[in-house]
Amino acid sequence: MHENDRHRVILSAVQDRSLVTVIDLCTLTGASEATVRRDINTLDEQKRLR
């Protein structure tokens, strides 16, 4: 899955649920924990994830 697609999935999951784990996001995106954590950091830096 491309980075932009992962970001959309992560943002959608966070909006839909009160609690989302890195493992949940790995399952949803098919990405590794390291990749998901990097994506979370990127989204946080962009102020898109709070």
PDB file of N, CA and C in Angstrom:
ATOM      1  N   MET A   1       0.849  -1.170   0.000  1.00  0.00           N
ATOM      2  CA  MET A   1       0.000   0.000   0.000  1.00  0.00           C
ATOM      3  C   MET A   1       0.900   1.239   0.000  1.00  0.00           C
ATOM      4  N   HIS A   2       0.555   2.199  -0.809  1.00  0.00           N
ATOM      5  CA  HIS A   2       1.317   3.437  -0.931  1.00  0.00           C
ATOM      6  C   HIS A   2       1.126   4.305   0.320  1.00  0.00           C
ATOM      7  N   GLU A   3       2.095   5.146   0.600  1.00  0.00           N
ATOM      8  CA  GLU A   3       2.087   5.988   1.797  1.00  0.00           C
ATOM      9  C   GLU A   3       0.801   6.804   1.935  1.00  0.00           C
ATOM     10  N   ASN A   4       0.369   7.449   0.861  1.00  0.00           N
ATOM     11  CA  ASN A   4      -0.855   8.257   0.932  1.00  0.00           C
ATOM     12  C   ASN A   4      -2.071   7.405   1.270  1.00  0.00           C
ATOM     13  N   ASP A   5      -2.125   6.203   0.735  1.00  0.00           N
ATOM     14  CA  ASP A   5      -3.223   5.290   1.039  1.00  0.00           C
ATOM     15  C   ASP A   5      -3.181   4.866   2.502  1.00  0.00           C
ATOM     16  N   ARG A   6      -1.986   4.566   3.015  1.00  0.00           N
ATOM     17  CA  ARG A   6      -1.851   4.206   4.431  1.00  0.00           C
ATOM     18  C   ARG A   6      -2.309   5.349   5.316  1.00  0.00           C
ATOM     19  N   HIS A   7      -1.927   6.568   4.965  1.00  0.00           N
ATOM     20  CA  HIS A   7      -2.319   7.730   5.764  1.00  0.00           C
ATOM     21  C   HIS A   7      -3.832   7.868   5.799  1.00  0.00           C
ATOM     22  N   ARG A   8      -4.488   7.666   4.680  1.00  0.00           N
ATOM     23  CA  ARG A   8      -5.962   7.734   4.635  1.00  0.00           C
ATOM     24  C   ARG A   8      -6.577   6.671   5.532  1.00  0.00           C
ATOM     25  N   VAL A   9      -6.044   5.456   5.476  1.00  0.00           N
ATOM     26  CA  VAL A   9      -6.555   4.353   6.296  1.00  0.00           C
ATOM     27  C   VAL A   9      -6.349   4.661   7.775  1.00  0.00           C
ATOM     28  N   ILE A  10      -5.178   5.158   8.122  1.00  0.00           N
ATOM     29  CA  ILE A  10      -4.881   5.481   9.528  1.00  0.00           C
ATOM     30  C   ILE A  10      -5.820   6.577  10.027  1.00  0.00           C
ATOM     31  N   LEU A  11      -5.960   7.639   9.270  1.00  0.00           N
ATOM     32  CA  LEU A  11      -6.842   8.738   9.687  1.00  0.00           C
ATOM     33  C   LEU A  11      -8.290   8.274   9.815  1.00  0.00           C
ATOM     34  N   SER A  12      -8.732   7.458   8.903  1.00  0.00           N
ATOM     35  CA  SER A  12     -10.092   6.934   8.954  1.00  0.00           C
ATOM     36  C   SER A  12     -10.296   6.056  10.185  1.00  0.00           C
ATOM     37  N   ALA A  13      -9.347   5.201  10.480  1.00  0.00           N
ATOM     38  CA  ALA A  13      -9.451   4.306  11.634  1.00  0.00           C
ATOM     39  C   ALA A  13      -9.502   5.098  12.934  1.00  0.00           C
ATOM     40  N   VAL A  14      -8.695   6.142  13.019  1.00  0.00           N
ATOM     41  CA  VAL A  14      -8.658   6.964  14.235  1.00  0.00           C
ATOM     42  C   VAL A  14      -9.977   7.719  14.415  1.00  0.00           C
ATOM     43  N   GLN A  15     -10.577   8.152  13.333  1.00  0.00           N
ATOM     44  CA  GLN A  15     -11.865   8.854  13.416  1.00  0.00           C
ATOM     45  C   GLN A  15     -12.998   7.915  13.797  1.00  0.00           C
ATOM     46  N   ASP A  16     -12.925   6.672  13.335  1.00  0.00           N
ATOM     47  CA  ASP A  16     -14.013   5.718  13.538  1.00  0.00           C
ATOM     48  C   ASP A  16     -13.992   5.040  14.900  1.00  0.00           C
ATOM     49  N   ARG A  17     -12.842   4.998  15.542  1.00  0.00           N
ATOM     50  CA  ARG A  17     -12.706   4.236  16.789  1.00  0.00           C
ATOM     51  C   ARG A  17     -12.146   5.108  17.900  1.00  0.00           C
ATOM     52  N   SER A  18     -12.496   4.773  19.133  1.00  0.00           N
ATOM     53  CA  SER A  18     -11.958   5.526  20.265  1.00  0.00           C
ATOM     54  C   SER A  18     -10.538   5.076  20.611  1.00  0.00           C
ATOM     55  N   LEU A  19     -10.188   3.849  20.241  1.00  0.00           N
ATOM     56  CA  LEU A  19      -8.855   3.320  20.516  1.00  0.00           C
ATOM     57  C   LEU A  19      -8.382   2.488  19.329  1.00  0.00           C
ATOM     58  N   VAL A  20      -7.206   2.829  18.824  1.00  0.00           N
ATOM     59  CA  VAL A  20      -6.607   2.079  17.718  1.00  0.00           C
ATOM     60  C   VAL A  20      -5.154   1.801  18.084  1.00  0.00           C
ATOM     61  N   THR A  21      -4.753   0.548  18.001  1.00  0.00           N
ATOM     62  CA  THR A  21      -3.366   0.193  18.308  1.00  0.00           C
ATOM     63  C   THR A  21      -2.530   0.158  17.033  1.00  0.00           C
ATOM     64  N   VAL A  22      -1.235   0.179  17.214  1.00  0.00           N
ATOM     65  CA  VAL A  22      -0.321   0.061  16.077  1.00  0.00           C
ATOM     66  C   VAL A  22      -0.563  -1.277  15.377  1.00  0.00           C
ATOM     67  N   ILE A  23      -0.800  -2.316  16.147  1.00  0.00           N
ATOM     68  CA  ILE A  23      -1.064  -3.639  15.563  1.00  0.00           C
ATOM     69  C   ILE A  23      -2.336  -3.599  14.716  1.00  0.00           C
ATOM     70  N   ASP A  24      -3.379  -2.907  15.206  1.00  0.00           N
ATOM     71  CA  ASP A  24      -4.609  -2.742  14.413  1.00  0.00           C
ATOM     72  C   ASP A  24      -4.289  -2.087  13.074  1.00  0.00           C
ATOM     73  N   LEU A  25      -3.479  -1.033  13.129  1.00  0.00           N
ATOM     74  CA  LEU A  25      -3.131  -0.304  11.903  1.00  0.00           C
ATOM     75  C   LEU A  25      -2.266  -1.143  10.979  1.00  0.00           C
ATOM     76  N   CYS A  26      -1.410  -1.973  11.547  1.00  0.00           N
ATOM     77  CA  CYS A  26      -0.604  -2.892  10.733  1.00  0.00           C
ATOM     78  C   CYS A  26      -1.514  -3.855   9.981  1.00  0.00           C
ATOM     79  N   THR A  27      -2.506  -4.362  10.667  1.00  0.00           N
ATOM     80  CA  THR A  27      -3.447  -5.292  10.045  1.00  0.00           C
ATOM     81  C   THR A  27      -4.235  -4.608   8.939  1.00  0.00           C
ATOM     82  N   LEU A  28      -4.687  -3.396   9.204  1.00  0.00           N
ATOM     83  CA  LEU A  28      -5.487  -2.658   8.215  1.00  0.00           C
ATOM     84  C   LEU A  28      -4.682  -2.272   6.977  1.00  0.00           C
ATOM     85  N   THR A  29      -3.407  -1.936   7.178  1.00  0.00           N
ATOM     86  CA  THR A  29      -2.598  -1.437   6.058  1.00  0.00           C
ATOM     87  C   THR A  29      -1.685  -2.487   5.436  1.00  0.00           C
ATOM     88  N   GLY A  30      -1.408  -3.557   6.183  1.00  0.00           N
ATOM     89  CA  GLY A  30      -0.464  -4.563   5.701  1.00  0.00           C
ATOM     90  C   GLY A  30       0.978  -4.117   5.832  1.00  0.00           C
ATOM     91  N   ALA A  31       1.201  -3.048   6.586  1.00  0.00           N
ATOM     92  CA  ALA A  31       2.548  -2.498   6.758  1.00  0.00           C
ATOM     93  C   ALA A  31       3.162  -2.995   8.066  1.00  0.00           C
ATOM     94  N   SER A  32       4.466  -2.842   8.179  1.00  0.00           N
ATOM     95  CA  SER A  32       5.171  -3.239   9.397  1.00  0.00           C
ATOM     96  C   SER A  32       4.908  -2.216  10.503  1.00  0.00           C
ATOM     97  N   GLU A  33       5.230  -2.611  11.742  1.00  0.00           N
ATOM     98  CA  GLU A  33       5.080  -1.693  12.868  1.00  0.00           C
ATOM     99  C   GLU A  33       5.935  -0.444  12.664  1.00  0.00           C
ATOM    100  N   ALA A  34       7.140  -0.614  12.186  1.00  0.00           N
ATOM    101  CA  ALA A  34       8.040   0.524  11.968  1.00  0.00           C
ATOM    102  C   ALA A  34       7.445   1.511  10.965  1.00  0.00           C
ATOM    103  N   THR A  35       6.863   0.986   9.903  1.00  0.00           N
ATOM    104  CA  THR A  35       6.255   1.844   8.884  1.00  0.00           C
ATOM    105  C   THR A  35       5.055   2.580   9.450  1.00  0.00           C
ATOM    106  N   VAL A  36       4.204   1.879  10.188  1.00  0.00           N
ATOM    107  CA  VAL A  36       3.017   2.513  10.775  1.00  0.00           C
ATOM    108  C   VAL A  36       3.442   3.595  11.771  1.00  0.00           C
ATOM    109  N   ARG A  37       4.440   3.311  12.582  1.00  0.00           N
ATOM    110  CA  ARG A  37       4.914   4.313  13.550  1.00  0.00           C
ATOM    111  C   ARG A  37       5.480   5.537  12.825  1.00  0.00           C
ATOM    112  N   ARG A  38       6.181   5.319  11.735  1.00  0.00           N
ATOM    113  CA  ARG A  38       6.697   6.433  10.930  1.00  0.00           C
ATOM    114  C   ARG A  38       5.546   7.244  10.350  1.00  0.00           C
ATOM    115  N   ASP A  39       4.523   6.553   9.867  1.00  0.00           N
ATOM    116  CA  ASP A  39       3.351   7.239   9.321  1.00  0.00           C
ATOM    117  C   ASP A  39       2.650   8.068  10.400  1.00  0.00           C
ATOM    118  N   ILE A  40       2.511   7.499  11.599  1.00  0.00           N
ATOM    119  CA  ILE A  40       1.888   8.224  12.706  1.00  0.00           C
ATOM    120  C   ILE A  40       2.691   9.484  13.023  1.00  0.00           C
ATOM    121  N   ASN A  41       4.007   9.358  13.076  1.00  0.00           N
ATOM    122  CA  ASN A  41       4.857  10.525  13.339  1.00  0.00           C
ATOM    123  C   ASN A  41       4.703  11.585  12.257  1.00  0.00           C
ATOM    124  N   THR A  42       4.661  11.163  11.011  1.00  0.00           N
ATOM    125  CA  THR A  42       4.482  12.091   9.895  1.00  0.00           C
ATOM    126  C   THR A  42       3.148  12.814  10.001  1.00  0.00           C
ATOM    127  N   LEU A  43       2.077  12.070  10.252  1.00  0.00           N
ATOM    128  CA  LEU A  43       0.751  12.674  10.380  1.00  0.00           C
ATOM    129  C   LEU A  43       0.688  13.637  11.561  1.00  0.00           C
ATOM    130  N   ASP A  44       1.367  13.300  12.650  1.00  0.00           N
ATOM    131  CA  ASP A  44       1.410  14.181  13.812  1.00  0.00           C
ATOM    132  C   ASP A  44       2.160  15.472  13.480  1.00  0.00           C
ATOM    133  N   GLU A  45       3.292  15.350  12.812  1.00  0.00           N
ATOM    134  CA  GLU A  45       4.074  16.529  12.428  1.00  0.00           C
ATOM    135  C   GLU A  45       3.281  17.443  11.500  1.00  0.00           C
ATOM    136  N   GLN A  46       2.435  16.854  10.661  1.00  0.00           N
ATOM    137  CA  GLN A  46       1.602  17.621   9.733  1.00  0.00           C
ATOM    138  C   GLN A  46       0.343  18.150  10.412  1.00  0.00           C
ATOM    139  N   LYS A  47       0.196  17.868  11.707  1.00  0.00           N
ATOM    140  CA  LYS A  47      -0.978  18.294  12.490  1.00  0.00           C
ATOM    141  C   LYS A  47      -2.274  17.701  11.954  1.00  0.00           C
ATOM    142  N   ARG A  48      -2.174  16.528  11.340  1.00  0.00           N
ATOM    143  CA  ARG A  48      -3.358  15.854  10.803  1.00  0.00           C
ATOM    144  C   ARG A  48      -3.883  14.800  11.756  1.00  0.00           C
ATOM    145  N   LEU A  49      -3.093  14.506  12.788  1.00  0.00           N
ATOM    146  CA  LEU A  49      -3.444  13.446  13.728  1.00  0.00           C
ATOM    147  C   LEU A  49      -3.230  13.964  15.140  1.00  0.00           C
ATOM    148  N   ARG A  50      -4.274  13.919  15.919  1.00  0.00           N
ATOM    149  CA  ARG A  50      -4.197  14.394  17.324  1.00  0.00           C
ATOM    150  C   ARG A  50      -4.979  13.449  18.194  1.00  0.00           C
TER     151      ARG A  50
END
